[in-house]
């Protein structure tokens, strides 16, 4: 529809070759009404896969995440990490002119993604029931915190609230006193991932049957479905199981935990398997710590009466060495004890650099900026460099021309307030 040939990627010959291949979603047009994180990350992924993504934003302020700190020169670093491969049109969806433009876009769209609070899309007359009358084959995806129906449907769905409700945040905290704000927006990204999976499946169905689909993606549902390890004990108990044992992957297992080092940094110890534990014990000269009776069931246990002995041995090893000394020794011995890196150390790490996970792109207003790569690019399925994140409304005029508005009609829309307050 509106897709362009992907630009060649700088870098290796293999990367350049893959960038010239036809991408999986070439020719798919996505209208993106979403804001903040779950929707924009999802639609960025669709754009990386080749879709033409039109980001529809409020005039003046645009997506609120445009204003997140820190900034490059002018625009938010964060905004640029979830909005590449998109074009931006600034429209007042409440105005008659804005509704007219959106109607034309809807008729051409293959996919629509929105993340409004429940009821807002209907008030703006861009809800699924309204849209399907204009375009019966559209794939329509709504992303909210708790879904379109249910007792919490109208509750604000911020990530912290959602994580609390799944049981995930209390897995370490017992009565809740040890709970900390998580370092990762798990619910936001879970919703993004399920939205993307659902849209891709619906596109396949659309191509086969020419029929549309409505996706009610709840971030809570998405994260809850990923908490199978967290919820195993509760599931067993609810089903009447008498087995009181629990998987121990949150610190109670001394062989799967974080330890302080001599330079007051930290390493992550991951010695679950017997063979790895044996290798470590031999390395530190403590073969007596290897139990001949250890079974596969002990892998995720707290190791019972031997727990404190194990913890003491690992603590002693770590306490007299720096983090990087430990990392060097363990890497040479193929033993999985690894450094806990800061974000600054992570983006500069050799592994990240060699895997091409941070890349520099040219932005029309910012110059050279950094962004995170897409792991699917290696397979030739994604292209992260076709377009940097757009400036608010930068494609409005071009897009209006593409959907049939003459220069005179575009002037009329400008006067009507479709792009914000009349000049």
Protein backbone atom coordinates (compact mmCIF):
# COMPACT_ATOMS: atom_id res chain seq x y z
CA UNK A 1 0.00 0.00 0.00
CA UNK A 2 2.25 2.76 1.25
CA UNK A 3 5.39 0.79 2.00
CA UNK A 4 8.73 1.84 0.60
CA UNK A 5 11.66 -0.30 -0.39
CA UNK A 6 13.79 -0.80 2.73
CA UNK A 7 17.02 1.18 2.69
CA UNK A 8 20.26 -0.76 2.74
CA UNK A 9 21.72 -1.25 6.18
CA UNK A 10 25.28 -0.15 6.82
CA UNK A 11 27.49 -2.85 8.22
CA UNK A 12 28.28 -6.37 7.17
CA UNK A 13 27.62 -7.88 3.74
CA UNK A 14 25.17 -10.31 5.32
CA UNK A 15 23.26 -7.46 6.94
CA UNK A 16 23.13 -5.54 3.67
CA UNK A 17 21.90 -8.61 1.80
CA UNK A 18 19.13 -9.31 4.33
CA UNK A 19 17.92 -5.70 4.26
CA UNK A 20 17.16 -5.93 0.54
CA UNK A 21 14.92 -8.96 0.95
CA UNK A 22 11.15 -8.57 0.91
CA UNK A 23 10.02 -8.20 4.50
CA UNK A 24 7.13 -10.31 5.86
CA UNK A 25 4.68 -7.42 6.30
CA UNK A 26 5.50 -5.47 3.13
CA UNK A 27 2.23 -3.94 1.84
CA UNK A 28 0.45 -4.09 5.22
CA UNK A 29 -0.92 -0.71 6.39
CA UNK A 30 -1.19 -0.16 10.16
CA UNK A 31 -2.99 2.77 11.78
CA UNK A 32 -1.50 3.38 15.21
CA UNK A 33 -3.70 5.30 17.66
CA UNK A 34 -1.71 4.04 20.66
CA UNK A 35 0.51 5.94 23.08
CA UNK A 36 3.18 5.34 25.71
CA UNK A 37 4.61 1.80 25.68
CA UNK A 38 2.52 -1.33 24.89
CA UNK A 39 0.94 -0.16 21.63
CA UNK A 40 3.92 1.77 20.25
CA UNK A 41 6.36 -1.10 20.93
CA UNK A 42 3.97 -3.50 19.19
CA UNK A 43 3.50 -1.26 16.15
CA UNK A 44 7.24 -0.59 15.99
CA UNK A 45 7.74 -4.34 15.72
CA UNK A 46 5.18 -4.48 12.90
CA UNK A 47 7.07 -1.64 11.21
CA UNK A 48 10.38 -3.47 11.64
CA UNK A 49 8.74 -6.45 9.92
CA UNK A 50 7.91 -4.27 6.92
CA UNK A 51 4.49 -2.79 7.64
CA UNK A 52 3.70 0.82 6.80
CA UNK A 53 2.77 2.33 10.17
CA UNK A 54 0.94 5.65 10.42
CA UNK A 55 1.05 7.08 13.93
CA UNK A 56 -1.99 9.29 14.57
CA UNK A 57 -1.31 11.83 17.33
CA UNK A 58 -2.99 14.73 19.04
CA UNK A 59 -1.91 18.11 17.67
CA UNK A 60 0.37 20.17 19.86
CA UNK A 61 1.60 17.60 22.38
CA UNK A 62 1.42 14.29 20.57
CA UNK A 63 2.19 11.01 22.32
CA UNK A 64 2.96 11.88 25.98
CA UNK A 65 6.13 9.81 25.79
CA UNK A 66 7.60 12.41 23.43
CA UNK A 67 8.28 14.38 26.61
CA UNK A 68 10.08 11.69 28.63
CA UNK A 69 13.61 12.40 29.86
CA UNK A 70 16.40 12.06 28.88
CA UNK A 71 16.56 13.74 25.50
CA UNK A 72 18.87 13.57 22.53
CA UNK A 73 19.02 17.15 21.28
CA UNK A 74 15.31 17.81 21.19
CA UNK A 75 13.34 14.57 21.32
CA UNK A 76 12.96 11.90 23.98
CA UNK A 77 15.45 9.03 23.83
CA UNK A 78 12.68 6.70 24.99
CA UNK A 79 10.25 7.88 22.30
CA UNK A 80 12.83 7.08 19.65
CA UNK A 81 13.19 3.51 20.97
CA UNK A 82 9.52 2.60 20.44
CA UNK A 83 8.46 4.63 17.40
CA UNK A 84 10.90 3.99 14.56
CA UNK A 85 9.62 2.91 11.15
CA UNK A 86 6.51 5.07 11.52
CA UNK A 87 5.08 8.18 9.91
CA UNK A 88 3.27 10.79 12.02
CA UNK A 89 0.08 12.64 11.25
CA UNK A 90 -1.30 15.15 13.75
CA UNK A 91 -5.13 15.12 13.84
CA UNK A 92 -7.85 16.33 16.17
CA UNK A 93 -10.03 13.22 16.23
CA UNK A 94 -12.96 15.22 17.66
CA UNK A 95 -13.13 17.64 14.75
CA UNK A 96 -15.23 17.06 11.64
CA UNK A 97 -12.16 17.37 9.43
CA UNK A 98 -10.18 14.96 11.59
CA UNK A 99 -12.99 12.40 11.43
CA UNK A 100 -13.11 12.75 7.65
CA UNK A 101 -9.37 12.09 7.29
CA UNK A 102 -9.46 9.15 9.68
CA UNK A 103 -12.38 7.66 7.77
CA UNK A 104 -10.31 7.63 4.57
CA UNK A 105 -7.37 6.06 6.36
CA UNK A 106 -9.55 3.39 7.97
CA UNK A 107 -10.88 2.27 4.59
CA UNK A 108 -7.30 1.61 3.46
CA UNK A 109 -5.99 0.00 6.66
CA UNK A 110 -5.18 -3.65 7.21
CA UNK A 111 -4.56 -3.27 10.96
CA UNK A 112 -5.66 -0.76 13.61
CA UNK A 113 -4.08 -0.56 17.06
CA UNK A 114 -5.48 1.61 19.87
CA UNK A 115 -4.76 1.88 23.59
CA UNK A 116 -7.44 4.27 24.79
CA UNK A 117 -9.24 3.74 28.08
CA UNK A 118 -12.40 1.64 27.74
CA UNK A 119 -15.13 3.65 26.00
CA UNK A 120 -12.91 6.38 24.54
CA UNK A 121 -12.61 4.82 21.07
CA UNK A 122 -16.41 4.59 20.86
CA UNK A 123 -16.77 8.27 21.82
CA UNK A 124 -14.28 9.15 19.08
CA UNK A 125 -16.20 6.90 16.65
CA UNK A 126 -13.17 4.75 15.87
CA UNK A 127 -14.21 1.65 17.87
CA UNK A 128 -14.32 -1.75 16.19
CA UNK A 129 -18.07 -1.80 15.53
CA UNK A 130 -17.85 1.56 13.78
CA UNK A 131 -14.66 0.71 11.91
CA UNK A 132 -15.83 -2.65 10.63
CA UNK A 133 -18.72 -0.97 8.80
CA UNK A 134 -16.13 0.96 6.80
CA UNK A 135 -13.65 -1.89 6.51
CA UNK A 136 -14.98 -5.40 7.30
CA UNK A 137 -11.59 -7.07 6.79
CA UNK A 138 -9.63 -4.95 9.26
CA UNK A 139 -7.65 -6.50 12.13
CA UNK A 140 -8.48 -4.31 15.13
CA UNK A 141 -6.42 -4.55 18.33
CA UNK A 142 -7.36 -2.82 21.60
CA UNK A 143 -4.68 -2.79 24.31
CA UNK A 144 -5.74 -1.90 27.85
CA UNK A 145 -4.64 -2.72 31.37
CA UNK A 146 -7.46 -5.09 32.32
CA UNK A 147 -9.37 -5.68 29.08
CA UNK A 148 -12.66 -4.36 27.72
CA UNK A 149 -14.80 -6.30 30.20
CA UNK A 150 -14.52 -7.46 33.79
CA UNK A 151 -14.54 -5.89 37.26
CA UNK A 152 -11.35 -3.88 36.65
CA UNK A 153 -11.94 -2.95 33.02
CA UNK A 154 -12.19 0.78 33.75
CA UNK A 155 -9.27 0.87 36.19
CA UNK A 156 -6.08 2.65 35.04
CA UNK A 157 -3.66 -0.05 33.90
CA UNK A 158 -0.21 1.14 34.89
CA UNK A 159 2.49 -1.52 34.86
CA UNK A 160 3.17 -1.41 38.61
CA UNK A 161 -0.50 -2.04 39.44
CA UNK A 162 -0.71 -4.88 36.95
CA UNK A 163 2.40 -6.63 38.23
CA UNK A 164 1.05 -6.46 41.78
CA UNK A 165 -2.18 -8.16 40.74
CA UNK A 166 -0.54 -11.17 39.10
CA UNK A 167 1.34 -12.31 42.22
CA UNK A 168 4.66 -11.70 40.50
CA UNK A 169 5.85 -8.93 42.78
CA UNK A 170 5.09 -10.82 45.99
CA UNK A 171 6.95 -13.98 45.06
CA UNK A 172 9.93 -12.85 47.14
CA UNK A 173 8.14 -10.70 49.65
CA UNK A 174 6.13 -13.13 51.79
CA UNK A 175 3.73 -10.74 53.53
CA UNK A 176 4.56 -7.95 51.11
CA UNK A 177 7.07 -6.12 53.29
CA UNK A 178 10.01 -7.11 51.08
CA UNK A 179 8.42 -5.99 47.81
CA UNK A 180 10.29 -3.47 45.66
CA UNK A 181 9.32 -1.55 42.54
CA UNK A 182 10.40 -3.83 39.66
CA UNK A 183 13.22 -2.89 37.34
CA UNK A 184 11.38 -4.02 34.21
CA UNK A 185 7.95 -3.09 32.85
CA UNK A 186 6.88 -6.71 32.48
CA UNK A 187 3.13 -6.08 32.05
CA UNK A 188 3.66 -3.42 29.39
CA UNK A 189 5.89 -5.66 27.32
CA UNK A 190 3.76 -8.75 27.89
CA UNK A 191 0.79 -6.86 26.44
CA UNK A 192 2.94 -5.69 23.53
CA UNK A 193 4.13 -9.19 22.73
CA UNK A 194 0.66 -10.77 22.86
CA UNK A 195 -0.72 -7.94 20.74
CA UNK A 196 1.97 -8.51 18.14
CA UNK A 197 1.45 -12.29 18.14
CA UNK A 198 -2.31 -11.86 17.87
CA UNK A 199 -2.04 -9.36 15.02
CA UNK A 200 0.33 -11.60 13.06
CA UNK A 201 -2.02 -14.58 13.50
CA UNK A 202 -5.00 -12.44 12.48
CA UNK A 203 -3.18 -11.22 9.35
CA UNK A 204 -2.66 -14.84 8.30
CA UNK A 205 -6.37 -15.47 8.83
CA UNK A 206 -7.18 -12.25 6.98
CA UNK A 207 -5.14 -13.31 3.96
CA UNK A 208 -6.78 -16.74 3.85
CA UNK A 209 -10.41 -15.79 4.47
CA UNK A 210 -10.53 -12.02 3.79
CA UNK A 211 -12.19 -11.69 7.20
CA UNK A 212 -11.36 -9.28 9.99
CA UNK A 213 -10.72 -9.87 13.66
CA UNK A 214 -11.09 -8.07 16.98
CA UNK A 215 -8.33 -8.49 19.58
CA UNK A 216 -9.05 -7.51 23.19
CA UNK A 217 -5.52 -7.54 24.63
CA UNK A 218 -5.31 -7.02 28.39
CA UNK A 219 -1.85 -6.38 29.74
CA UNK A 220 -2.91 -8.11 32.96
CA UNK A 221 -4.05 -11.25 31.12
CA UNK A 222 -0.85 -11.25 29.08
CA UNK A 223 1.46 -11.04 32.09
CA UNK A 224 -0.65 -13.45 34.15
CA UNK A 225 -0.35 -16.07 31.40
CA UNK A 226 3.45 -15.70 31.56
CA UNK A 227 3.53 -16.25 35.34
CA UNK A 228 3.32 -20.03 35.12
CA UNK A 229 6.46 -20.49 37.22
CA UNK A 230 5.36 -17.89 39.76
CA UNK A 231 1.94 -19.51 40.09
CA UNK A 232 2.91 -23.21 40.16
CA UNK A 233 2.60 -23.46 43.93
CA UNK A 234 -0.74 -21.64 43.98
CA UNK A 235 -2.06 -23.80 41.13
CA UNK A 236 -1.04 -26.98 42.96
CA UNK A 237 -2.63 -25.81 46.19
CA UNK A 238 -5.85 -24.72 44.46
CA UNK A 239 -6.08 -28.13 42.75
CA UNK A 240 -5.77 -29.90 46.11
CA UNK A 241 -2.22 -31.19 45.75
CA UNK A 242 -0.54 -32.28 48.98
CA UNK A 243 2.93 -31.40 47.61
CA UNK A 244 4.08 -28.43 49.68
CA UNK A 245 7.39 -28.02 47.87
CA UNK A 246 7.94 -25.03 45.61
CA UNK A 247 10.28 -24.14 42.78
CA UNK A 248 13.05 -21.94 44.19
CA UNK A 249 14.26 -19.45 41.59
CA UNK A 250 14.00 -16.25 43.61
CA UNK A 251 17.02 -16.43 45.92
CA UNK A 252 16.18 -19.24 48.36
CA UNK A 253 18.26 -21.61 46.22
CA UNK A 254 21.90 -20.78 47.10
CA UNK A 255 23.02 -22.02 43.71
CA UNK A 256 20.73 -19.58 41.88
CA UNK A 257 21.23 -16.23 43.53
CA UNK A 258 23.15 -12.95 43.53
CA UNK A 259 26.29 -12.46 45.64
CA UNK A 260 28.33 -9.40 46.63
CA UNK A 261 31.96 -9.22 45.55
CA UNK A 262 35.10 -7.77 47.15
CA UNK A 263 34.66 -4.46 45.30
CA UNK A 264 31.05 -4.13 46.49
CA UNK A 265 29.60 -5.09 43.13
CA UNK A 266 27.67 -8.27 42.38
CA UNK A 267 27.67 -11.48 40.39
CA UNK A 268 24.81 -13.76 39.44
CA UNK A 269 25.35 -17.44 40.25
CA UNK A 270 23.47 -19.95 38.10
CA UNK A 271 24.65 -23.43 39.08
CA UNK A 272 21.36 -25.31 38.92
CA UNK A 273 22.53 -28.45 37.15
CA UNK A 274 24.60 -31.03 39.03
CA UNK A 275 27.38 -30.97 36.44
CA UNK A 276 27.76 -27.19 36.76
CA UNK A 277 27.79 -27.36 40.53
CA UNK A 278 30.41 -30.10 40.35
CA UNK A 279 32.58 -27.99 38.03
CA UNK A 280 32.41 -25.03 40.42
CA UNK A 281 33.17 -27.16 43.49
CA UNK A 282 36.20 -28.68 41.80
CA UNK A 283 37.34 -25.21 40.69
CA UNK A 284 37.31 -23.87 44.26
CA UNK A 285 38.79 -27.06 45.72
CA UNK A 286 35.64 -28.18 47.51
CA UNK A 287 34.64 -31.52 45.93
CA UNK A 288 33.13 -32.46 49.32
CA UNK A 289 30.19 -30.18 48.51
CA UNK A 290 29.05 -32.45 45.67
CA UNK A 291 26.33 -34.85 46.83
CA UNK A 292 26.17 -38.25 45.17
CA UNK A 293 22.49 -38.41 46.10
CA UNK A 294 21.50 -35.26 44.21
CA UNK A 295 18.56 -35.85 41.86
CA UNK A 296 16.89 -33.80 39.10
CA UNK A 297 14.22 -32.78 41.63
CA UNK A 298 16.88 -30.89 43.60
CA UNK A 299 17.59 -28.54 40.70
CA UNK A 300 15.05 -25.90 41.75
CA UNK A 301 14.96 -26.69 45.47
CA UNK A 302 16.52 -24.81 48.38
CA UNK A 303 18.82 -27.85 48.94
CA UNK A 304 17.56 -28.36 52.45
CA UNK A 305 20.13 -28.91 55.19
CA UNK A 306 23.02 -28.33 52.80
CA UNK A 307 21.74 -24.90 51.78
CA UNK A 308 23.75 -22.86 54.28
CA UNK A 309 26.91 -24.83 53.53
CA UNK A 310 26.53 -24.15 49.82
CA UNK A 311 25.79 -20.47 50.40
CA UNK A 312 28.79 -20.06 52.68
CA UNK A 313 31.17 -21.59 50.11
CA UNK A 314 29.91 -19.35 47.30
CA UNK A 315 29.97 -16.29 49.56
CA UNK A 316 33.56 -16.99 50.58
CA UNK A 317 34.68 -17.36 46.97
CA UNK A 318 32.99 -14.11 45.91
CA UNK A 319 33.94 -12.02 48.95
CA UNK A 320 37.70 -12.13 48.31
CA UNK A 321 37.58 -11.40 44.56
CA UNK A 322 36.38 -8.45 42.52
CA UNK A 323 33.42 -8.80 40.20
CA UNK A 324 35.57 -8.70 37.09
CA UNK A 325 38.11 -11.18 38.49
CA UNK A 326 35.28 -13.63 39.14
CA UNK A 327 33.81 -13.02 35.71
CA UNK A 328 37.14 -13.64 34.02
CA UNK A 329 37.84 -16.84 35.96
CA UNK A 330 34.35 -18.26 35.47
CA UNK A 331 34.18 -17.43 31.77
CA UNK A 332 37.52 -19.17 31.20
CA UNK A 333 36.21 -22.24 33.05
CA UNK A 334 32.77 -22.21 31.32
CA UNK A 335 31.02 -21.85 34.66
CA UNK A 336 27.91 -19.59 34.60
CA UNK A 337 28.76 -16.99 37.22
CA UNK A 338 28.38 -13.63 35.51
CA UNK A 339 28.74 -9.95 36.39
CA UNK A 340 25.68 -7.86 37.28
CA UNK A 341 26.11 -4.95 34.88
CA UNK A 342 24.82 -1.41 35.06
CA UNK A 343 22.80 -0.15 32.06
CA UNK A 344 25.86 1.84 30.94
CA UNK A 345 28.06 -1.25 31.13
CA UNK A 346 25.46 -3.37 29.36
CA UNK A 347 25.21 -1.23 26.21
CA UNK A 348 29.01 -1.12 25.97
CA UNK A 349 29.54 -4.85 26.61
CA UNK A 350 31.36 -6.92 24.03
CA UNK A 351 28.44 -9.29 23.61
CA UNK A 352 25.98 -6.46 22.87
CA UNK A 353 28.40 -4.84 20.45
CA UNK A 354 29.24 -8.03 18.56
CA UNK A 355 25.58 -9.02 18.34
CA UNK A 356 24.74 -5.60 16.91
CA UNK A 357 22.11 -4.85 19.54
CA UNK A 358 22.88 -1.12 19.73
CA UNK A 359 23.02 0.74 16.45
CA UNK A 360 23.49 4.30 15.28
CA UNK A 361 21.01 5.85 12.86
CA UNK A 362 20.65 9.31 11.30
CA UNK A 363 17.68 11.36 12.46
CA UNK A 364 16.55 14.37 10.41
CA UNK A 365 16.33 16.64 13.49
CA UNK A 366 18.71 14.95 15.93
CA UNK A 367 21.67 13.88 13.84
CA UNK A 368 23.17 10.53 14.80
CA UNK A 369 21.27 8.81 17.62
CA UNK A 370 21.46 5.36 19.20
CA UNK A 371 18.67 2.81 19.19
CA UNK A 372 18.24 -0.83 20.18
CA UNK A 373 18.33 -3.35 17.37
CA UNK A 374 15.75 -6.02 16.54
CA UNK A 375 16.92 -9.62 17.12
CA UNK A 376 14.96 -10.74 14.03
CA UNK A 377 17.11 -8.60 11.74
CA UNK A 378 19.76 -11.33 11.65
CA UNK A 379 17.27 -13.63 9.95
CA UNK A 380 16.34 -10.99 7.38
CA UNK A 381 12.84 -10.68 8.85
CA UNK A 382 13.19 -7.14 10.21
CA UNK A 383 14.74 -3.85 9.16
CA UNK A 384 15.28 -1.29 11.93
CA UNK A 385 16.71 1.49 9.77
CA UNK A 386 14.02 2.34 7.24
CA UNK A 387 12.83 5.36 9.24
CA UNK A 388 13.82 6.96 12.54
CA UNK A 389 10.99 7.94 14.90
CA UNK A 390 9.02 10.84 13.37
CA UNK A 391 8.74 14.43 14.48
CA UNK A 392 5.15 15.19 15.49
CA UNK A 393 3.02 15.62 12.38
CA UNK A 394 5.97 15.58 9.99
CA UNK A 395 4.12 13.41 7.43
CA UNK A 396 0.69 15.05 7.70
CA UNK A 397 0.78 16.90 4.39
CA UNK A 398 2.33 14.03 2.43
CA UNK A 399 -0.15 11.50 3.80
CA UNK A 400 -3.12 13.72 3.00
CA UNK A 401 -1.90 13.99 -0.59
CA UNK A 402 -1.46 10.20 -0.76
CA UNK A 403 -5.06 9.57 0.28
CA UNK A 404 -6.42 11.94 -2.33
CA UNK A 405 -6.65 15.42 -0.82
CA UNK A 406 -5.84 18.25 -3.20
CA UNK A 407 -3.87 21.29 -2.09
CA UNK A 408 -7.12 23.28 -1.85
CA UNK A 409 -8.73 20.55 0.27
CA UNK A 410 -5.72 20.41 2.54
CA UNK A 411 -6.02 24.16 3.05
CA UNK A 412 -9.69 23.69 3.93
CA UNK A 413 -8.79 21.05 6.52
CA UNK A 414 -6.23 23.39 8.02
CA UNK A 415 -8.89 26.06 8.45
CA UNK A 416 -11.38 23.54 9.87
CA UNK A 417 -9.18 22.78 12.88
CA UNK A 418 -8.50 19.17 11.87
CA UNK A 419 -4.83 19.66 12.78
CA UNK A 420 -5.46 21.59 15.96
CA UNK A 421 -6.57 25.15 16.72
CA UNK A 422 -7.19 27.28 13.64
CA UNK A 423 -4.24 29.52 12.71
